[in-house]
Amino acid sequence: MPAHAQASGSSEGLVVAATGSAGAADTTLRLERGGHTIGTMTHLDPPPDTFRVCDTRADGHGVTEKFYMYMAGGQLKGTKGDGGDANCGTFEHNVVPYAAKYLMKLCWNGPGGACV
């Protein structure tokens, strides 16, 4: 993952930012809409690798993270949602950066279902 990446989506003002790289440091995806962060997905690197998803906007819709490993095709290794409570959702998966490629995906569960 690049040290810092940003992309814009639909006319609703979706912005995504990512920092860090798997296997080297913590990595965070940030999903923004209308200038507000609506969700984050963070990979915490020290073993066991932990993935945390947080719904950061009380808009009545949660967010869902998905973590994929690519070796011989994509394999979903973990998914977790968050929304409607004070805590973030988490799951663990051991990341071996030289054995496979990985994809972190964060989606807003509201109308239009914006994803990064």
C-alpha atoms as a PDB file:
ATOM      1  CA  MET A   1       0.000   0.000   0.000  1.00  0.00           C
ATOM      2  CA  PRO A   2       1.386   3.466  -0.767  1.00  0.00           C
ATOM      3  CA  ALA A   3       2.591   5.678   2.043  1.00  0.00           C
ATOM      4  CA  HIS A   4      -0.395   7.950   1.402  1.00  0.00           C
ATOM      5  CA  ALA A   5      -3.090   7.574  -1.237  1.00  0.00           C
ATOM      6  CA  GLN A   6      -6.286   9.457  -1.846  1.00  0.00           C
ATOM      7  CA  ALA A   7      -9.115   8.917  -4.296  1.00  0.00           C
ATOM      8  CA  SER A   8     -12.443  10.598  -4.926  1.00  0.00           C
ATOM      9  CA  GLY A   9     -15.599   8.752  -5.820  1.00  0.00           C
ATOM     10  CA  SER A  10     -19.111   9.827  -6.708  1.00  0.00           C
ATOM     11  CA  SER A  11     -20.603  13.306  -6.676  1.00  0.00           C
ATOM     12  CA  GLU A  12     -21.423  12.712  -3.005  1.00  0.00           C
ATOM     13  CA  GLY A  13     -17.791  13.549  -2.171  1.00  0.00           C
ATOM     14  CA  LEU A  14     -16.333  10.183  -1.208  1.00  0.00           C
ATOM     15  CA  VAL A  15     -12.653  10.412  -0.248  1.00  0.00           C
ATOM     16  CA  VAL A  16     -10.386   7.542   0.747  1.00  0.00           C
ATOM     17  CA  ALA A  17      -6.955   7.755   2.337  1.00  0.00           C
ATOM     18  CA  ALA A  18      -4.499   4.990   3.208  1.00  0.00           C
ATOM     19  CA  THR A  19      -1.226   5.167   5.104  1.00  0.00           C
ATOM     20  CA  GLY A  20       1.448   2.605   5.917  1.00  0.00           C
ATOM     21  CA  SER A  21       2.210  -0.805   4.410  1.00  0.00           C
ATOM     22  CA  ALA A  22       1.298  -4.331   5.488  1.00  0.00           C
ATOM     23  CA  GLY A  23       4.144  -6.097   7.212  1.00  0.00           C
ATOM     24  CA  ALA A  24       6.083  -2.894   7.868  1.00  0.00           C
ATOM     25  CA  ALA A  25       3.858  -0.711  10.006  1.00  0.00           C
ATOM     26  CA  ASP A  26       0.292  -0.009  10.953  1.00  0.00           C
ATOM     27  CA  THR A  27      -1.999   0.755   8.009  1.00  0.00           C
ATOM     28  CA  THR A  28      -5.194   2.814   8.107  1.00  0.00           C
ATOM     29  CA  LEU A  29      -7.931   3.279   5.503  1.00  0.00           C
ATOM     30  CA  ARG A  30     -10.160   6.291   6.021  1.00  0.00           C
ATOM     31  CA  LEU A  31     -13.522   6.581   4.278  1.00  0.00           C
ATOM     32  CA  GLU A  32     -14.839  10.144   3.994  1.00  0.00           C
ATOM     33  CA  ARG A  33     -18.101  11.515   2.709  1.00  0.00           C
ATOM     34  CA  GLY A  34     -19.029  15.179   2.422  1.00  0.00           C
ATOM     35  CA  GLY A  35     -15.822  16.204   4.209  1.00  0.00           C
ATOM     36  CA  HIS A  36     -16.496  13.942   7.227  1.00  0.00           C
ATOM     37  CA  THR A  37     -14.790  10.667   8.127  1.00  0.00           C
ATOM     38  CA  ILE A  38     -17.536   8.032   8.244  1.00  0.00           C
ATOM     39  CA  GLY A  39     -15.364   4.983   8.925  1.00  0.00           C
ATOM     40  CA  THR A  40     -11.850   3.674   9.418  1.00  0.00           C
ATOM     41  CA  MET A  41     -10.131   0.307   9.000  1.00  0.00           C
ATOM     42  CA  THR A  42      -6.782  -0.192  10.723  1.00  0.00           C
ATOM     43  CA  HIS A  43      -4.251  -3.016  10.442  1.00  0.00           C
ATOM     44  CA  LEU A  44      -2.157  -3.188  13.636  1.00  0.00           C
ATOM     45  CA  ASP A  45       1.074  -4.917  12.633  1.00  0.00           C
ATOM     46  CA  PRO A  46       2.643  -6.635  15.664  1.00  0.00           C
ATOM     47  CA  PRO A  47       1.689 -10.338  15.716  1.00  0.00           C
ATOM     48  CA  PRO A  48      -0.983 -11.362  16.031  1.00  0.00           C
ATOM     49  CA  ASP A  49      -2.015  -8.928  13.298  1.00  0.00           C
ATOM     50  CA  THR A  50      -5.259  -7.246  14.343  1.00  0.00           C
ATOM     51  CA  PHE A  51      -7.768  -5.526  12.063  1.00  0.00           C
ATOM     52  CA  ARG A  52     -10.074  -2.917  13.575  1.00  0.00           C
ATOM     53  CA  VAL A  53     -13.122  -1.317  11.924  1.00  0.00           C
ATOM     54  CA  CYS A  54     -14.793   1.784  13.366  1.00  0.00           C
ATOM     55  CA  ASP A  55     -17.996   3.536  12.350  1.00  0.00           C
ATOM     56  CA  THR A  56     -17.103   7.164  13.096  1.00  0.00           C
ATOM     57  CA  ARG A  57     -20.331   8.934  12.123  1.00  0.00           C
ATOM     58  CA  ALA A  58     -23.744   8.497  13.724  1.00  0.00           C
ATOM     59  CA  ASP A  59     -25.676   8.522  10.445  1.00  0.00           C
ATOM     60  CA  GLY A  60     -27.781   5.403  11.035  1.00  0.00           C
ATOM     61  CA  HIS A  61     -25.547   3.251   8.781  1.00  0.00           C
ATOM     62  CA  GLY A  62     -22.533   1.176   9.783  1.00  0.00           C
ATOM     63  CA  VAL A  63     -19.347   0.209   7.969  1.00  0.00           C
ATOM     64  CA  THR A  64     -17.973  -3.228   7.055  1.00  0.00           C
ATOM     65  CA  GLU A  65     -14.360  -4.280   6.528  1.00  0.00           C
ATOM     66  CA  LYS A  66     -13.176  -7.214   4.445  1.00  0.00           C
ATOM     67  CA  PHE A  67      -9.657  -8.606   4.296  1.00  0.00           C
ATOM     68  CA  TYR A  68      -8.523 -10.701   1.322  1.00  0.00           C
ATOM     69  CA  MET A  69      -5.391 -12.761   0.640  1.00  0.00           C
ATOM     70  CA  TYR A  70      -4.329 -13.388  -2.974  1.00  0.00           C
ATOM     71  CA  MET A  71      -2.217 -16.427  -3.817  1.00  0.00           C
ATOM     72  CA  ALA A  72      -4.094 -18.605  -6.310  1.00  0.00           C
ATOM     73  CA  GLY A  73      -7.143 -16.367  -6.531  1.00  0.00           C
ATOM     74  CA  GLY A  74      -8.691 -14.178  -3.854  1.00  0.00           C
ATOM     75  CA  GLN A  75      -9.582 -15.653  -0.487  1.00  0.00           C
ATOM     76  CA  LEU A  76     -11.682 -13.776   2.049  1.00  0.00           C
ATOM     77  CA  LYS A  77      -9.777 -14.111   5.340  1.00  0.00           C
ATOM     78  CA  GLY A  78     -11.913 -11.949   7.595  1.00  0.00           C
ATOM     79  CA  THR A  79     -14.856  -9.589   7.725  1.00  0.00           C
ATOM     80  CA  LYS A  80     -16.259  -7.461  10.517  1.00  0.00           C
ATOM     81  CA  GLY A  81     -18.869  -4.740  10.760  1.00  0.00           C
ATOM     82  CA  ASP A  82     -19.338  -1.824  13.114  1.00  0.00           C
ATOM     83  CA  GLY A  83     -22.151   0.606  13.734  1.00  0.00           C
ATOM     84  CA  GLY A  84     -24.585   1.660  16.405  1.00  0.00           C
ATOM     85  CA  ASP A  85     -22.349   1.153  19.435  1.00  0.00           C
ATOM     86  CA  ALA A  86     -19.436   2.846  21.202  1.00  0.00           C
ATOM     87  CA  ASN A  87     -16.831   0.168  20.360  1.00  0.00           C
ATOM     88  CA  CYS A  88     -14.976  -0.820  17.194  1.00  0.00           C
ATOM     89  CA  GLY A  89     -15.113  -4.323  15.712  1.00  0.00           C
ATOM     90  CA  THR A  90     -11.907  -6.401  15.464  1.00  0.00           C
ATOM     91  CA  PHE A  91     -10.565  -9.679  14.077  1.00  0.00           C
ATOM     92  CA  GLU A  92      -7.098 -11.254  13.858  1.00  0.00           C
ATOM     93  CA  HIS A  93      -5.224 -12.804  10.919  1.00  0.00           C
ATOM     94  CA  ASN A  94      -1.491 -13.429  10.642  1.00  0.00           C
ATOM     95  CA  VAL A  95      -0.134 -11.408   7.700  1.00  0.00           C
ATOM     96  CA  VAL A  96       2.942 -12.828   5.932  1.00  0.00           C
ATOM     97  CA  PRO A  97       3.788 -10.055   3.425  1.00  0.00           C
ATOM     98  CA  TYR A  98       6.286 -12.066   1.370  1.00  0.00           C
ATOM     99  CA  ALA A  99       4.041 -15.135   1.017  1.00  0.00           C
ATOM    100  CA  ALA A 100       1.009 -13.431  -0.513  1.00  0.00           C
ATOM    101  CA  LYS A 101      -0.607 -10.138  -1.494  1.00  0.00           C
ATOM    102  CA  TYR A 102      -3.390  -8.695   0.623  1.00  0.00           C
ATOM    103  CA  LEU A 103      -6.322  -6.345   0.089  1.00  0.00           C
ATOM    104  CA  MET A 104      -8.120  -4.298   2.740  1.00  0.00           C
ATOM    105  CA  LYS A 105     -11.631  -3.161   1.787  1.00  0.00           C
ATOM    106  CA  LEU A 106     -13.862  -0.783   3.769  1.00  0.00           C
ATOM    107  CA  CYS A 107     -17.511  -0.169   2.833  1.00  0.00           C
ATOM    108  CA  TRP A 108     -20.178   2.191   4.086  1.00  0.00           C
ATOM    109  CA  ASN A 109     -23.506   0.352   4.477  1.00  0.00           C
ATOM    110  CA  GLY A 110     -25.695   3.330   3.588  1.00  0.00           C
ATOM    111  CA  PRO A 111     -27.460   4.119   0.306  1.00  0.00           C
ATOM    112  CA  GLY A 112     -25.081   3.690  -2.614  1.00  0.00           C
ATOM    113  CA  GLY A 113     -22.722   1.511  -0.533  1.00  0.00           C
ATOM    114  CA  ALA A 114     -19.465   3.423  -1.082  1.00  0.00           C
ATOM    115  CA  CYS A 115     -16.344   1.232  -0.776  1.00  0.00           C
ATOM    116  CA  VAL A 116     -12.589   1.596  -0.750  1.00  0.00           C
END
